[in-house]
Amino acid sequence: MRIYNKLKTSVVILLVLIVSMNLVSCSSKKAENPDNLEINIGYQFGTAYFPLEIIQINKIIENKYPNTTISWKQLGNTAAIREGMLSGDIDFGFMAIPPFLIGYDKGMNWKAFTGLSSVPSSLVVNSPSINTLADFTAQDKIALPQQGSVQHILLSMAADKAFNEPKKFDSMLLAMSHPDAMDILRAKNEIKGHFTTPPYTQMELKDKDMKIILESKEAFGEEFTFIIGAGKIENETDIKKVKILNEAIKDALIYIEANPEESAAIFSDKYNMTIPESKDFMNMEGVKFNQEIKGVNRFSEFMNKVEYISKAYNEKEVIWDGYYD
């Protein structure tokens, strides 16, 4: 009986120790993120958003911050992202610099906090009679995500250089998502051109009647960040969310660099490319996935000159202070 009681006491002590250890373990996990944060992210279509796909597929945030809830919303243009942020459905949006500047100029309470990627953007046409911008007629239509998109501003820059008329093509633009514009361009009706990004560029060029007549670097004159992240950063909770998201982007970039084969396989599956096509894109000149923000001042000065925004903003006005830390 004494042996039984001793054994019973030992078992109880052991169970108490196990429960205590589990409680300590749970407490340490919660200490990573005691606030049970919710982060709602808006982004668009195209390969420029690939690091965000890695974050989702590899569950980078969930694994590192198990108490954080992540919501991803893929939308057709920045206007939809902006509306989502105004309604509170989206905390952080990923977009190009020009629509970000337009939102800031209109009073959007947001700051840029990270770069995401630089990728080439191209004006693809489906007509043998169009070989330069000068060949478009007033009746021809050009599809791009929206007025004020980076493609729109690049087209305006090119028109300014070629004709000294930055708004020459504004009345010819049709706003539509890249997937929809690609389908219509292939059908060879309604539009003659599509200012787009990979993978839609490569998919369109598989048609022998399609060709590129303008590249983004030619229009802008130098390299620039294509996609940035932006959001409201007013208090400690906002800062915690930004830091979590920035950490996740950094981890995704490290993963892409360290795992080229796995990344190419994910890329291939996500964007309907073969693995060789995926590798070719990821090694293409001008394709960079990093957190640098380049081109704000140049975009801002041009957009102010042609009155798409009311003043030219210096990058330090519109970029979060923490970006420079």
Protein backbone atom coordinates (compact mmCIF):
# COMPACT_ATOMS: atom_id res chain seq x y z
CA MET A 1 0.00 0.00 0.00
CA ARG A 2 2.87 2.40 0.90
CA ILE A 3 4.55 1.65 -2.46
CA TYR A 4 1.26 2.35 -4.25
CA ASN A 5 0.82 5.69 -2.42
CA LYS A 6 4.40 6.70 -3.22
CA LEU A 7 3.87 5.78 -6.87
CA LYS A 8 0.58 7.72 -6.93
CA THR A 9 2.29 10.79 -5.43
CA SER A 10 5.09 10.59 -7.99
CA VAL A 11 2.61 10.39 -10.84
CA VAL A 12 0.74 13.46 -9.54
CA ILE A 13 4.01 15.41 -9.19
CA LEU A 14 5.00 14.38 -12.72
CA LEU A 15 1.62 15.48 -14.12
CA VAL A 16 1.89 18.83 -12.33
CA LEU A 17 5.35 19.35 -13.83
CA ILE A 18 4.12 18.50 -17.34
CA VAL A 19 1.15 20.88 -17.04
CA SER A 20 3.44 23.63 -15.69
CA MET A 21 5.86 23.16 -18.57
CA ASN A 22 3.01 23.33 -21.08
CA LEU A 23 1.72 26.53 -19.50
CA VAL A 24 5.17 28.09 -19.68
CA SER A 25 5.45 27.01 -23.32
CA CYS A 26 2.04 28.50 -24.18
CA SER A 27 2.89 31.71 -22.36
CA SER A 28 6.14 32.09 -24.29
CA LYS A 29 4.27 31.59 -27.58
CA LYS A 30 1.69 34.21 -26.67
CA ALA A 31 4.46 36.59 -25.66
CA GLU A 32 5.53 36.71 -29.29
CA ASN A 33 2.26 38.43 -30.12
CA PRO A 34 -0.02 38.92 -27.12
CA ASP A 35 -2.44 41.18 -29.00
CA ASN A 36 -4.09 38.58 -31.27
CA LEU A 37 -3.61 40.91 -34.21
CA GLU A 38 -5.61 40.81 -37.43
CA ILE A 39 -3.79 41.92 -40.60
CA ASN A 40 -5.83 42.47 -43.77
CA ILE A 41 -3.78 42.76 -46.95
CA GLY A 42 -4.86 43.92 -50.40
CA TYR A 43 -2.86 43.24 -53.54
CA GLN A 44 -3.30 42.86 -57.29
CA PHE A 45 -2.54 40.46 -60.15
CA GLY A 46 0.87 39.67 -61.62
CA THR A 47 4.30 38.26 -60.90
CA ALA A 48 5.40 41.47 -59.16
CA TYR A 49 3.50 40.21 -56.09
CA PHE A 50 5.35 36.88 -55.91
CA PRO A 51 6.90 37.46 -52.44
CA LEU A 52 3.37 37.84 -51.06
CA GLU A 53 2.45 34.48 -52.61
CA ILE A 54 5.45 32.91 -50.83
CA ILE A 55 4.27 34.39 -47.52
CA GLN A 56 0.84 32.84 -48.07
CA ILE A 57 1.94 29.44 -49.36
CA ASN A 58 4.65 28.95 -46.71
CA LYS A 59 2.44 30.42 -43.95
CA ILE A 60 5.37 32.57 -42.86
CA ILE A 61 3.34 34.88 -40.62
CA GLU A 62 1.16 32.15 -39.09
CA ASN A 63 4.20 30.02 -38.22
CA LYS A 64 6.12 32.90 -36.64
CA TYR A 65 3.14 34.64 -35.01
CA PRO A 66 0.52 31.94 -34.32
CA ASN A 67 -1.89 34.40 -32.69
CA THR A 68 -2.07 36.59 -35.79
CA THR A 69 -4.96 36.26 -38.24
CA ILE A 70 -4.13 37.09 -41.88
CA SER A 71 -6.64 37.97 -44.58
CA TRP A 72 -5.60 38.27 -48.26
CA LYS A 73 -7.72 40.13 -50.82
CA GLN A 74 -6.66 40.04 -54.50
CA LEU A 75 -8.28 42.94 -56.35
CA GLY A 76 -8.28 44.29 -59.90
CA ASN A 77 -6.82 47.74 -59.30
CA THR A 78 -5.62 50.23 -56.71
CA ALA A 79 -8.98 52.03 -56.58
CA ALA A 80 -10.49 48.87 -55.09
CA ILE A 81 -7.63 48.62 -52.60
CA ARG A 82 -8.05 52.28 -51.66
CA GLU A 83 -11.79 51.78 -51.09
CA GLY A 84 -11.04 48.73 -48.95
CA MET A 85 -8.64 50.75 -46.83
CA LEU A 86 -11.12 53.60 -46.42
CA SER A 87 -13.82 51.14 -45.30
CA GLY A 88 -11.44 49.41 -42.87
CA ASP A 89 -11.52 46.06 -44.70
CA ILE A 90 -7.84 46.40 -45.69
CA ASP A 91 -4.97 47.49 -43.43
CA PHE A 92 -2.14 47.45 -45.96
CA GLY A 93 -2.23 47.64 -49.73
CA PHE A 94 0.41 46.75 -52.30
CA MET A 95 0.50 48.92 -55.40
CA ALA A 96 2.72 51.00 -57.66
CA ILE A 97 4.08 54.40 -56.66
CA PRO A 98 1.80 56.62 -58.85
CA PRO A 99 -1.57 55.46 -57.46
CA PHE A 100 -0.09 55.63 -53.96
CA LEU A 101 0.90 59.28 -54.59
CA ILE A 102 -2.56 60.08 -55.97
CA GLY A 103 -4.17 58.64 -52.85
CA TYR A 104 -1.77 60.55 -50.60
CA ASP A 105 -2.47 63.76 -52.53
CA LYS A 106 -6.23 63.23 -52.05
CA GLY A 107 -5.82 62.93 -48.29
CA MET A 108 -5.34 59.19 -47.78
CA ASN A 109 -3.81 58.74 -44.35
CA TRP A 110 -1.12 56.27 -45.40
CA LYS A 111 2.64 55.96 -45.75
CA ALA A 112 4.83 53.69 -47.85
CA PHE A 113 6.73 51.26 -45.62
CA THR A 114 8.45 48.79 -47.95
CA GLY A 115 9.33 48.02 -51.52
CA LEU A 116 8.39 44.60 -52.89
CA SER A 117 9.60 44.28 -56.46
CA SER A 118 10.84 45.83 -59.66
CA VAL A 119 9.58 44.19 -62.87
CA PRO A 120 9.39 45.42 -66.47
CA SER A 121 6.07 46.71 -67.75
CA SER A 122 5.37 46.69 -71.49
CA LEU A 123 2.88 48.08 -73.99
CA VAL A 124 1.83 45.11 -76.14
CA VAL A 125 -0.10 45.70 -79.38
CA ASN A 126 -2.04 43.33 -81.64
CA SER A 127 -2.00 45.31 -84.91
CA PRO A 128 0.65 45.04 -87.66
CA SER A 129 0.07 48.72 -88.47
CA ILE A 130 1.16 49.90 -84.99
CA ASN A 131 4.92 49.93 -84.48
CA THR A 132 5.37 53.13 -82.45
CA LEU A 133 3.19 55.37 -80.31
CA ALA A 134 2.75 57.64 -83.32
CA ASP A 135 0.84 54.90 -85.16
CA PHE A 136 -2.15 54.90 -82.80
CA THR A 137 -5.22 56.70 -84.13
CA ALA A 138 -7.71 58.60 -81.99
CA GLN A 139 -10.17 55.67 -82.38
CA ASP A 140 -7.74 53.06 -81.02
CA LYS A 141 -8.05 51.92 -77.41
CA ILE A 142 -5.35 50.97 -74.88
CA ALA A 143 -6.16 48.85 -71.83
CA LEU A 144 -4.47 49.28 -68.46
CA PRO A 145 -5.58 48.81 -64.84
CA GLN A 146 -6.91 52.36 -64.33
CA GLN A 147 -6.26 56.05 -64.83
CA GLY A 148 -3.44 56.95 -62.46
CA SER A 149 -1.91 53.46 -62.58
CA VAL A 150 1.83 53.16 -63.10
CA GLN A 151 1.15 52.08 -66.68
CA HIS A 152 -0.88 55.24 -67.27
CA ILE A 153 1.86 57.48 -65.87
CA LEU A 154 4.56 55.67 -67.87
CA LEU A 155 2.49 56.12 -71.03
CA SER A 156 2.13 59.82 -70.19
CA MET A 157 5.88 60.11 -69.68
CA ALA A 158 6.50 58.49 -73.07
CA ALA A 159 3.95 60.78 -74.74
CA ASP A 160 5.60 63.79 -73.13
CA LYS A 161 8.98 62.75 -74.54
CA ALA A 162 7.70 61.86 -78.00
CA PHE A 163 5.06 64.54 -78.62
CA ASN A 164 5.33 67.02 -75.75
CA GLU A 165 1.72 65.98 -75.00
CA PRO A 166 1.66 63.97 -71.77
CA LYS A 167 -2.13 63.53 -71.88
CA LYS A 168 -2.23 62.58 -75.58
CA PHE A 169 -3.58 59.06 -74.88
CA ASP A 170 -5.81 59.79 -71.86
CA SER A 171 -9.05 59.73 -73.90
CA MET A 172 -8.06 56.38 -75.46
CA LEU A 173 -7.68 54.43 -72.21
CA LEU A 174 -9.91 51.61 -71.00
CA ALA A 175 -9.62 50.47 -67.38
CA MET A 176 -9.64 46.71 -66.86
CA SER A 177 -7.73 44.03 -64.99
CA HIS A 178 -4.73 42.44 -66.69
CA PRO A 179 -6.42 39.03 -67.16
CA ASP A 180 -9.48 40.60 -68.80
CA ALA A 181 -7.39 42.90 -71.00
CA MET A 182 -5.25 39.97 -72.14
CA ASP A 183 -8.32 38.03 -73.27
CA ILE A 184 -9.71 41.02 -75.19
CA LEU A 185 -6.35 41.82 -76.79
CA ARG A 186 -6.08 38.21 -77.99
CA ALA A 187 -9.59 38.41 -79.45
CA LYS A 188 -8.40 41.42 -81.49
CA ASN A 189 -11.46 43.52 -80.88
CA GLU A 190 -12.18 46.63 -78.80
CA ILE A 191 -8.53 47.32 -77.88
CA LYS A 192 -5.32 47.68 -79.88
CA GLY A 193 -2.87 47.79 -76.96
CA HIS A 194 -2.43 46.51 -73.43
CA PHE A 195 0.10 48.09 -71.05
CA THR A 196 0.83 45.10 -68.85
CA THR A 197 3.28 43.13 -66.72
CA PRO A 198 4.50 39.51 -66.55
CA PRO A 199 3.16 36.87 -66.81
CA TYR A 200 0.59 38.51 -69.11
CA THR A 201 3.33 40.00 -71.32
CA GLN A 202 4.82 36.57 -72.00
CA MET A 203 1.42 34.96 -72.48
CA GLU A 204 0.39 37.61 -75.01
CA LEU A 205 3.67 37.38 -76.93
CA LYS A 206 3.01 33.69 -77.62
CA ASP A 207 0.65 35.01 -80.30
CA LYS A 208 2.82 35.81 -83.34
CA ASP A 209 0.70 38.89 -84.10
CA MET A 210 1.59 40.50 -80.74
CA LYS A 211 4.62 42.72 -80.15
CA ILE A 212 6.02 45.20 -77.62
CA ILE A 213 6.34 48.83 -78.73
CA LEU A 214 7.24 50.47 -75.38
CA GLU A 215 9.10 49.31 -72.26
CA SER A 216 8.77 50.86 -68.81
CA LYS A 217 12.48 51.66 -68.44
CA GLU A 218 12.42 53.48 -71.79
CA ALA A 219 9.48 55.60 -70.60
CA PHE A 220 10.83 56.30 -67.09
CA GLY A 221 14.48 56.65 -68.06
CA GLU A 222 15.92 54.54 -65.21
CA GLU A 223 15.08 51.71 -62.83
CA PHE A 224 12.31 52.20 -60.30
CA THR A 225 10.41 50.20 -57.70
CA PHE A 226 7.32 48.75 -59.29
CA ILE A 227 5.39 47.63 -56.20
CA ILE A 228 5.43 49.13 -52.70
CA GLY A 229 3.46 48.43 -49.52
CA ALA A 230 1.46 51.25 -47.91
CA GLY A 231 -0.88 51.68 -44.98
CA LYS A 232 -2.01 53.76 -42.03
CA ILE A 233 0.76 53.85 -39.41
CA GLU A 234 -0.49 55.95 -36.51
CA ASN A 235 -0.11 53.96 -33.30
CA GLU A 236 1.76 51.08 -31.66
CA THR A 237 -0.65 48.46 -33.02
CA ASP A 238 -0.13 49.73 -36.58
CA ILE A 239 3.64 49.65 -36.06
CA LYS A 240 3.48 46.06 -34.74
CA LYS A 241 1.53 45.01 -37.84
CA VAL A 242 3.99 46.75 -40.17
CA LYS A 243 6.94 45.11 -38.45
CA ILE A 244 5.35 41.66 -38.70
CA LEU A 245 4.63 42.20 -42.40
CA ASN A 246 8.11 43.57 -43.10
CA GLU A 247 9.68 40.58 -41.33
CA ALA A 248 7.55 38.23 -43.41
CA ILE A 249 8.56 39.94 -46.66
CA LYS A 250 12.21 39.72 -45.65
CA ASP A 251 11.81 36.01 -44.89
CA ALA A 252 10.08 35.47 -48.26
CA LEU A 253 12.90 37.23 -50.10
CA ILE A 254 15.47 35.08 -48.28
CA TYR A 255 13.48 31.96 -49.22
CA ILE A 256 13.33 32.93 -52.91
CA GLU A 257 17.09 33.57 -52.96
CA ALA A 258 18.01 30.40 -51.05
CA ASN A 259 15.57 28.06 -52.81
CA PRO A 260 15.61 28.85 -56.55
CA GLU A 261 14.30 25.43 -57.64
CA GLU A 262 11.43 25.36 -55.15
CA SER A 263 10.62 29.01 -55.90
CA ALA A 264 10.54 28.34 -59.64
CA ALA A 265 8.18 25.40 -59.05
CA ILE A 266 5.83 27.56 -56.94
CA PHE A 267 6.08 30.36 -59.50
CA SER A 268 5.30 27.93 -62.33
CA ASP A 269 2.21 26.58 -60.58
CA LYS A 270 0.94 30.00 -59.52
CA TYR A 271 1.34 31.79 -62.84
CA ASN A 272 0.70 28.97 -65.28
CA MET A 273 4.24 28.95 -66.68
CA THR A 274 6.60 26.08 -67.32
CA ILE A 275 9.49 25.79 -64.88
CA PRO A 276 12.01 26.93 -67.56
CA GLU A 277 9.78 29.95 -68.29
CA SER A 278 9.61 30.69 -64.58
CA LYS A 279 13.38 30.55 -64.24
CA ASP A 280 13.81 32.77 -67.30
CA PHE A 281 11.50 35.36 -65.80
CA MET A 282 13.11 35.30 -62.36
CA ASN A 283 16.54 35.80 -63.97
CA MET A 284 15.31 38.44 -66.44
CA GLU A 285 17.10 41.77 -66.53
CA GLY A 286 15.13 44.31 -64.53
CA VAL A 287 13.39 41.75 -62.30
CA LYS A 288 14.26 42.30 -58.65
CA PHE A 289 12.50 41.28 -55.48
CA ASN A 290 13.66 43.55 -52.65
CA GLN A 291 12.44 46.05 -50.09
CA GLU A 292 14.07 49.13 -51.61
CA ILE A 293 11.83 52.06 -52.61
CA LYS A 294 13.16 53.91 -55.69
CA GLY A 295 11.52 56.48 -57.98
CA VAL A 296 9.18 58.40 -55.67
CA ASN A 297 10.66 61.83 -56.37
CA ARG A 298 10.80 61.39 -60.14
CA PHE A 299 7.20 60.13 -60.37
CA SER A 300 6.02 62.87 -58.02
CA GLU A 301 7.68 65.69 -59.96
CA PHE A 302 6.26 64.51 -63.29
CA MET A 303 2.77 63.90 -61.94
CA ASN A 304 2.72 67.36 -60.41
CA LYS A 305 3.96 68.92 -63.67
CA VAL A 306 1.06 67.42 -65.63
CA GLU A 307 -1.42 68.03 -62.78
CA TYR A 308 -2.22 64.45 -61.82
CA ILE A 309 -1.35 65.54 -58.25
CA SER A 310 -1.48 69.01 -56.67
CA LYS A 311 2.16 69.22 -55.55
CA ALA A 312 5.45 67.36 -55.77
CA TYR A 313 6.14 65.29 -52.67
CA ASN A 314 9.61 64.47 -51.40
CA GLU A 315 10.06 60.79 -50.58
CA LYS A 316 10.61 61.54 -46.88
CA GLU A 317 7.14 63.10 -46.72
CA VAL A 318 5.39 59.96 -47.92
CA ILE A 319 7.62 57.13 -46.63
CA TRP A 320 7.27 55.90 -43.04
CA ASP A 321 10.14 56.96 -40.76
CA GLY A 322 10.69 53.34 -39.71
CA TYR A 323 11.69 52.45 -43.27
CA TYR A 324 14.92 54.38 -42.79
CA ASP A 325 15.81 52.72 -39.45
